Structures are given as C-alpha cells and as structure tokens.
Amino acid sequence: QVQLVESGGGLVQPGGSLRLSCAASGIAFSAHAMAWYRQAPGEQREWVTTITSGGSTNYAASVKGRFTVSRDNARNTVYLQMNSLKPEDTAVYYCKATSGSIGRWGQGTQVTVSS
C-alpha cells in the first residue's frame, strides 16, 4: 500500500520558518521524483518545487531563494525547508511522488503564515 504522509505544518509569523516532511512507504522511494505543491483557499493547486531521483532541484519563482527541498533516501523522506515565510505562502502543502507516468499524492499539511 502506497502512503505519503506530510507533517510539520502549522501557524507561523511572517518572516518565520517551517520544515515540512513527507514520509513515503510502499514505493521504491529512491527511484521517484518528489515534488511539493500547494493550494490556497479558492485557488488552484500550484507546483512549488521538485527534486529528482538524482537530486536535481527546481523551484517556482515565488519561492526561489526562500525554500529548499531535500531528500533522504535512507529514510524515504523528502523535506521542504521554508524560510522568510510570507502571508501569501499560506496554503495546504502536498507532496507528490512520480515515477514515469504515475503520480501519487499525500493528504496535505496546512501552513498558515499570519501575525
């Protein structure tokens, strides 16, 4: 059974930091590209960042320089370090595991940036 479980969300003040985790099971984690997406209320889900199976990374312009994605293949976990958070970063954050044409999603974790 494939499971992706996000954690680490919460309420943080503007300028603060959070680190999200996504623990995977039931897949060959090291062979998957891992991505983070987010969805704000009333908005479409948007791509945030991807880390390939080889460790290459890409970021959306809105988070580049503030967010860092990393992976630990020994722990089957991908991380999203979020610094200098802004109110517009408020959203439910989802991780996605992709191998070939198959993508699998986690259930999401809420991040709220507010004073």
C-alpha atoms as a PDB file:
ATOM      1  CA  GLN A   1       0.000   0.000   0.000  1.00  0.00           C
ATOM      2  CA  VAL A   2       1.412   3.341  -1.071  1.00  0.00           C
ATOM      3  CA  GLN A   3       1.386   6.079   1.546  1.00  0.00           C
ATOM      4  CA  LEU A   4       2.740   9.606   1.535  1.00  0.00           C
ATOM      5  CA  VAL A   5       2.353  11.346   4.871  1.00  0.00           C
ATOM      6  CA  GLU A   6       3.126  15.032   5.225  1.00  0.00           C
ATOM      7  CA  SER A   7       3.872  16.661   8.557  1.00  0.00           C
ATOM      8  CA  GLY A   8       5.382  19.818  10.005  1.00  0.00           C
ATOM      9  CA  GLY A   9       2.747  22.347   9.071  1.00  0.00           C
ATOM     10  CA  GLY A  10       1.364  24.910  11.469  1.00  0.00           C
ATOM     11  CA  LEU A  11       0.946  28.574  12.264  1.00  0.00           C
ATOM     12  CA  VAL A  12       3.988  30.831  11.898  1.00  0.00           C
ATOM     13  CA  GLN A  13       4.527  34.569  11.887  1.00  0.00           C
ATOM     14  CA  PRO A  14       5.675  36.394   8.755  1.00  0.00           C
ATOM     15  CA  GLY A  15       9.422  36.065   8.402  1.00  0.00           C
ATOM     16  CA  GLY A  16       9.428  32.769  10.255  1.00  0.00           C
ATOM     17  CA  SER A  17      10.443  29.287   9.191  1.00  0.00           C
ATOM     18  CA  LEU A  18       8.939  25.830   8.989  1.00  0.00           C
ATOM     19  CA  ARG A  19      10.229  22.487   7.806  1.00  0.00           C
ATOM     20  CA  LEU A  20       7.779  20.103   6.190  1.00  0.00           C
ATOM     21  CA  SER A  21       8.394  16.383   5.887  1.00  0.00           C
ATOM     22  CA  CYS A  22       6.838  13.793   3.624  1.00  0.00           C
ATOM     23  CA  ALA A  23       7.419  10.185   4.590  1.00  0.00           C
ATOM     24  CA  ALA A  24       6.824   7.617   1.873  1.00  0.00           C
ATOM     25  CA  SER A  25       6.079   3.918   2.113  1.00  0.00           C
ATOM     26  CA  GLY A  26       5.111   1.259  -0.376  1.00  0.00           C
ATOM     27  CA  ILE A  27       7.203   2.705  -3.194  1.00  0.00           C
ATOM     28  CA  ALA A  28      10.787   2.496  -4.396  1.00  0.00           C
ATOM     29  CA  PHE A  29      11.433   5.938  -2.999  1.00  0.00           C
ATOM     30  CA  SER A  30      14.892   6.493  -4.454  1.00  0.00           C
ATOM     31  CA  ALA A  31      13.546   5.917  -7.976  1.00  0.00           C
ATOM     32  CA  HIS A  32      10.880   8.598  -7.663  1.00  0.00           C
ATOM     33  CA  ALA A  33      10.997  12.284  -8.347  1.00  0.00           C
ATOM     34  CA  MET A  34       9.449  14.065  -5.370  1.00  0.00           C
ATOM     35  CA  ALA A  35       7.593  17.345  -5.595  1.00  0.00           C
ATOM     36  CA  TRP A  36       5.804  19.778  -3.334  1.00  0.00           C
ATOM     37  CA  TYR A  37       2.634  21.552  -4.391  1.00  0.00           C
ATOM     38  CA  ARG A  38       0.391  23.931  -2.517  1.00  0.00           C
ATOM     39  CA  GLN A  39      -3.209  25.031  -2.687  1.00  0.00           C
ATOM     40  CA  ALA A  40      -4.524  28.212  -1.148  1.00  0.00           C
ATOM     41  CA  PRO A  41      -8.249  28.652  -0.415  1.00  0.00           C
ATOM     42  CA  GLY A  42     -10.156  29.327  -3.615  1.00  0.00           C
ATOM     43  CA  GLU A  43      -7.065  28.792  -5.736  1.00  0.00           C
ATOM     44  CA  GLN A  44      -5.798  26.025  -7.982  1.00  0.00           C
ATOM     45  CA  ARG A  45      -3.079  23.722  -6.755  1.00  0.00           C
ATOM     46  CA  GLU A  46       0.304  25.057  -7.815  1.00  0.00           C
ATOM     47  CA  TRP A  47       3.705  23.479  -8.144  1.00  0.00           C
ATOM     48  CA  VAL A  48       6.330  24.632  -5.659  1.00  0.00           C
ATOM     49  CA  THR A  49       9.447  22.530  -6.176  1.00  0.00           C
ATOM     50  CA  THR A  50      10.772  19.215  -7.448  1.00  0.00           C
ATOM     51  CA  ILE A  51      13.755  17.102  -6.528  1.00  0.00           C
ATOM     52  CA  THR A  52      14.608  14.351  -8.984  1.00  0.00           C
ATOM     53  CA  SER A  53      15.802  10.870  -8.129  1.00  0.00           C
ATOM     54  CA  GLY A  54      19.291  12.134  -8.905  1.00  0.00           C
ATOM     55  CA  GLY A  55      18.973  15.102  -6.568  1.00  0.00           C
ATOM     56  CA  SER A  56      18.475  17.919  -9.084  1.00  0.00           C
ATOM     57  CA  THR A  57      16.107  20.626  -7.914  1.00  0.00           C
ATOM     58  CA  ASN A  58      13.815  23.235  -9.433  1.00  0.00           C
ATOM     59  CA  TYR A  59      11.730  25.908  -7.760  1.00  0.00           C
ATOM     60  CA  ALA A  60       8.815  28.145  -8.592  1.00  0.00           C
ATOM     61  CA  ALA A  61       9.870  31.761  -8.923  1.00  0.00           C
ATOM     62  CA  SER A  62       7.699  32.724  -5.963  1.00  0.00           C
ATOM     63  CA  VAL A  63       9.720  30.579  -3.535  1.00  0.00           C
ATOM     64  CA  LYS A  64      13.195  30.521  -5.073  1.00  0.00           C
ATOM     65  CA  GLY A  65      15.798  31.667  -2.573  1.00  0.00           C
ATOM     66  CA  ARG A  66      13.465  31.092   0.377  1.00  0.00           C
ATOM     67  CA  PHE A  67      12.539  27.406   0.144  1.00  0.00           C
ATOM     68  CA  THR A  68      14.886  24.427  -0.051  1.00  0.00           C
ATOM     69  CA  VAL A  69      13.886  20.891  -0.962  1.00  0.00           C
ATOM     70  CA  SER A  70      15.965  17.886   0.059  1.00  0.00           C
ATOM     71  CA  ARG A  71      15.584  14.151   0.303  1.00  0.00           C
ATOM     72  CA  ASP A  72      16.884  11.358   2.491  1.00  0.00           C
ATOM     73  CA  ASN A  73      16.609   8.112   0.579  1.00  0.00           C
ATOM     74  CA  ALA A  74      17.624   6.099   3.640  1.00  0.00           C
ATOM     75  CA  ARG A  75      14.589   7.450   5.478  1.00  0.00           C
ATOM     76  CA  ASN A  76      12.262   7.514   2.432  1.00  0.00           C
ATOM     77  CA  THR A  77      11.562  11.134   3.267  1.00  0.00           C
ATOM     78  CA  VAL A  78      11.538  14.421   1.398  1.00  0.00           C
ATOM     79  CA  TYR A  79      11.780  17.744   3.190  1.00  0.00           C
ATOM     80  CA  LEU A  80      10.797  21.302   2.426  1.00  0.00           C
ATOM     81  CA  GLN A  81      12.629  23.956   4.435  1.00  0.00           C
ATOM     82  CA  MET A  82      10.670  27.189   4.219  1.00  0.00           C
ATOM     83  CA  ASN A  83      12.307  30.413   5.352  1.00  0.00           C
ATOM     84  CA  SER A  84      11.248  34.060   5.245  1.00  0.00           C
ATOM     85  CA  LEU A  85       7.623  32.987   5.088  1.00  0.00           C
ATOM     86  CA  LYS A  86       5.033  35.415   3.803  1.00  0.00           C
ATOM     87  CA  PRO A  87       1.253  35.521   4.286  1.00  0.00           C
ATOM     88  CA  GLU A  88       0.877  34.543   0.636  1.00  0.00           C
ATOM     89  CA  ASP A  89       2.605  31.241   1.426  1.00  0.00           C
ATOM     90  CA  THR A  90      -0.479  30.224   3.390  1.00  0.00           C
ATOM     91  CA  ALA A  91      -1.839  27.034   1.832  1.00  0.00           C
ATOM     92  CA  VAL A  92      -2.215  23.313   2.193  1.00  0.00           C
ATOM     93  CA  TYR A  93       1.074  21.769   1.123  1.00  0.00           C
ATOM     94  CA  TYR A  94       1.089  18.408  -0.646  1.00  0.00           C
ATOM     95  CA  CYS A  95       3.896  16.098  -1.630  1.00  0.00           C
ATOM     96  CA  LYS A  96       3.791  14.053  -4.797  1.00  0.00           C
ATOM     97  CA  ALA A  97       5.838  11.040  -5.817  1.00  0.00           C
ATOM     98  CA  THR A  98       6.265  10.463  -9.538  1.00  0.00           C
ATOM     99  CA  SER A  99       7.747   7.578 -11.445  1.00  0.00           C
ATOM    100  CA  GLY A 100       7.138   7.532 -15.185  1.00  0.00           C
ATOM    101  CA  SER A 101       3.520   8.485 -15.777  1.00  0.00           C
ATOM    102  CA  ILE A 102       2.336   7.512 -12.295  1.00  0.00           C
ATOM    103  CA  GLY A 103       1.952  10.171  -9.641  1.00  0.00           C
ATOM    104  CA  ARG A 104       0.843   9.676  -6.050  1.00  0.00           C
ATOM    105  CA  TRP A 105      -0.240  12.326  -3.581  1.00  0.00           C
ATOM    106  CA  GLY A 106      -0.168  12.779   0.131  1.00  0.00           C
ATOM    107  CA  GLN A 107      -3.084  14.144   2.122  1.00  0.00           C
ATOM    108  CA  GLY A 108      -1.539  17.556   2.740  1.00  0.00           C
ATOM    109  CA  THR A 109      -0.480  19.666   5.702  1.00  0.00           C
ATOM    110  CA  GLN A 110      -1.739  23.160   6.477  1.00  0.00           C
ATOM    111  CA  VAL A 111       0.692  26.063   6.622  1.00  0.00           C
ATOM    112  CA  THR A 112      -0.644  29.376   7.883  1.00  0.00           C
ATOM    113  CA  VAL A 113       1.522  32.498   7.892  1.00  0.00           C
ATOM    114  CA  SER A 114      -0.081  35.195   9.983  1.00  0.00           C
ATOM    115  CA  SER A 115       0.673  37.634  12.747  1.00  0.00           C
END
